[in-house]
Amino acid sequence: MLTNACLIGWLPKHATKIRSLLGEFADVRGFRLVSEIVSSIDPKGLIIDTEQLIGPKYQLKHHEDIGDIDLLVIDPAGRIVYSLESTSISPSRNVKEMIEEMAKLV
């Protein structure tokens, strides 16, 4: 039961150490995923960058901190900008919850 609670994020508020470790694991998985995506792209003629923060103090400006872009790909010749978001959807969630999570991304 604890394993399932850890995997789907249903932990008590006081489980801060476990939440912290799970966050670190998620960061590592996210970094690996983005790295795999970058390595699969032919970089010829493209500008590729990862983990671009968006906010008043960063290169990508907004009046408040609003998050980041996991993978930014710019094709200057085609005048196209791709902003790719990578996220993990827990396999133990039901279909309704998965649809709700995906709806947040669009």
Protein backbone atom coordinates (compact mmCIF):
# COMPACT_ATOMS: atom_id res chain seq x y z
CA MET A 1 0.00 0.00 0.00
CA LEU A 2 2.86 2.41 0.80
CA THR A 3 4.54 1.60 -2.52
CA ASN A 4 1.36 2.43 -4.41
CA ALA A 5 0.90 5.65 -2.42
CA CYS A 6 4.47 6.66 -3.31
CA LEU A 7 4.04 5.89 -7.00
CA ILE A 8 0.84 7.84 -7.44
CA GLY A 9 1.66 10.69 -5.07
CA TRP A 10 -0.91 9.91 -2.40
CA LEU A 11 1.27 10.50 0.63
CA PRO A 12 0.43 12.21 3.89
CA LYS A 13 1.54 15.84 4.14
CA HIS A 14 4.05 14.97 6.88
CA ALA A 15 5.95 12.53 4.61
CA THR A 16 8.31 15.29 3.51
CA LYS A 17 11.47 13.17 3.22
CA ILE A 18 9.74 10.63 1.02
CA ARG A 19 8.20 13.40 -1.10
CA SER A 20 11.64 15.00 -1.47
CA LEU A 21 13.23 11.74 -2.61
CA LEU A 22 10.40 11.07 -5.06
CA GLY A 23 10.90 14.58 -6.45
CA GLU A 24 14.60 13.88 -6.96
CA PHE A 25 13.81 10.60 -8.72
CA ALA A 26 11.30 12.37 -10.95
CA ASP A 27 13.89 15.03 -11.83
CA VAL A 28 16.39 12.35 -12.86
CA ARG A 29 13.79 10.54 -14.97
CA GLY A 30 12.79 13.84 -16.59
CA PHE A 31 16.40 14.74 -17.36
CA ARG A 32 16.98 11.31 -18.93
CA LEU A 33 13.83 11.60 -21.04
CA VAL A 34 14.74 15.07 -22.33
CA SER A 35 18.31 13.90 -23.04
CA GLU A 36 16.99 10.96 -25.07
CA ILE A 37 14.72 13.27 -27.05
CA VAL A 38 17.58 15.71 -27.73
CA SER A 39 19.87 12.89 -28.88
CA SER A 40 17.20 11.71 -31.32
CA ILE A 41 16.98 15.12 -33.06
CA ASP A 42 19.25 16.00 -35.96
CA PRO A 43 20.60 19.36 -34.73
CA LYS A 44 21.67 20.60 -38.17
CA GLY A 45 20.30 24.12 -38.61
CA LEU A 46 18.40 24.07 -35.31
CA ILE A 47 18.79 25.88 -32.02
CA ILE A 48 18.14 23.43 -29.18
CA ASP A 49 18.01 24.24 -25.49
CA THR A 50 16.60 22.56 -22.40
CA GLU A 51 15.11 23.74 -19.10
CA GLN A 52 14.44 27.32 -20.10
CA LEU A 53 12.87 29.13 -17.15
CA ILE A 54 10.20 31.75 -17.83
CA GLY A 55 9.92 34.81 -15.61
CA PRO A 56 11.09 38.38 -14.99
CA LYS A 57 14.69 37.35 -14.19
CA TYR A 58 15.19 34.95 -17.10
CA GLN A 59 15.93 35.13 -20.81
CA LEU A 60 12.33 34.15 -21.60
CA LYS A 61 10.43 37.05 -20.05
CA HIS A 62 7.09 37.13 -18.27
CA HIS A 63 5.94 39.45 -15.48
CA GLU A 64 5.91 36.52 -13.02
CA ASP A 65 7.62 33.13 -12.75
CA ILE A 66 5.39 30.78 -14.72
CA GLY A 67 7.53 27.68 -15.03
CA ASP A 68 9.82 26.35 -17.67
CA ILE A 69 10.11 24.85 -21.12
CA ASP A 70 11.58 21.35 -20.91
CA LEU A 71 12.87 21.35 -24.49
CA LEU A 72 13.00 24.34 -26.81
CA VAL A 73 13.73 23.71 -30.48
CA ILE A 74 13.96 26.61 -32.91
CA ASP A 75 14.14 26.15 -36.67
CA PRO A 76 15.29 29.56 -37.96
CA ALA A 77 15.03 28.53 -41.63
CA GLY A 78 11.47 27.30 -41.24
CA ARG A 79 10.64 30.07 -38.78
CA ILE A 80 9.15 27.52 -36.37
CA VAL A 81 9.49 27.30 -32.59
CA TYR A 82 8.74 24.03 -30.82
CA SER A 83 8.15 24.05 -27.08
CA LEU A 84 8.13 20.48 -25.80
CA GLU A 85 6.85 19.50 -22.37
CA SER A 86 7.75 16.15 -20.85
CA THR A 87 5.63 14.82 -18.03
CA SER A 88 5.03 11.53 -16.29
CA ILE A 89 1.56 10.10 -16.07
CA SER A 90 1.30 7.44 -13.38
CA PRO A 91 0.21 4.12 -14.92
CA SER A 92 -1.91 3.32 -11.87
CA ARG A 93 -4.29 6.23 -12.49
CA ASN A 94 -7.65 5.58 -14.01
CA VAL A 95 -8.54 6.83 -17.49
CA LYS A 96 -10.54 9.80 -16.18
CA GLU A 97 -7.57 11.06 -14.11
CA MET A 98 -5.19 10.61 -17.05
CA ILE A 99 -7.50 12.64 -19.33
CA GLU A 100 -7.71 15.38 -16.69
CA GLU A 101 -3.89 15.48 -16.41
CA MET A 102 -3.51 15.73 -20.20
CA ALA A 103 -6.14 18.50 -20.35
CA LYS A 104 -3.95 20.62 -18.06
CA LEU A 105 -1.19 20.53 -20.67
CA VAL A 106 -3.20 21.96 -23.57
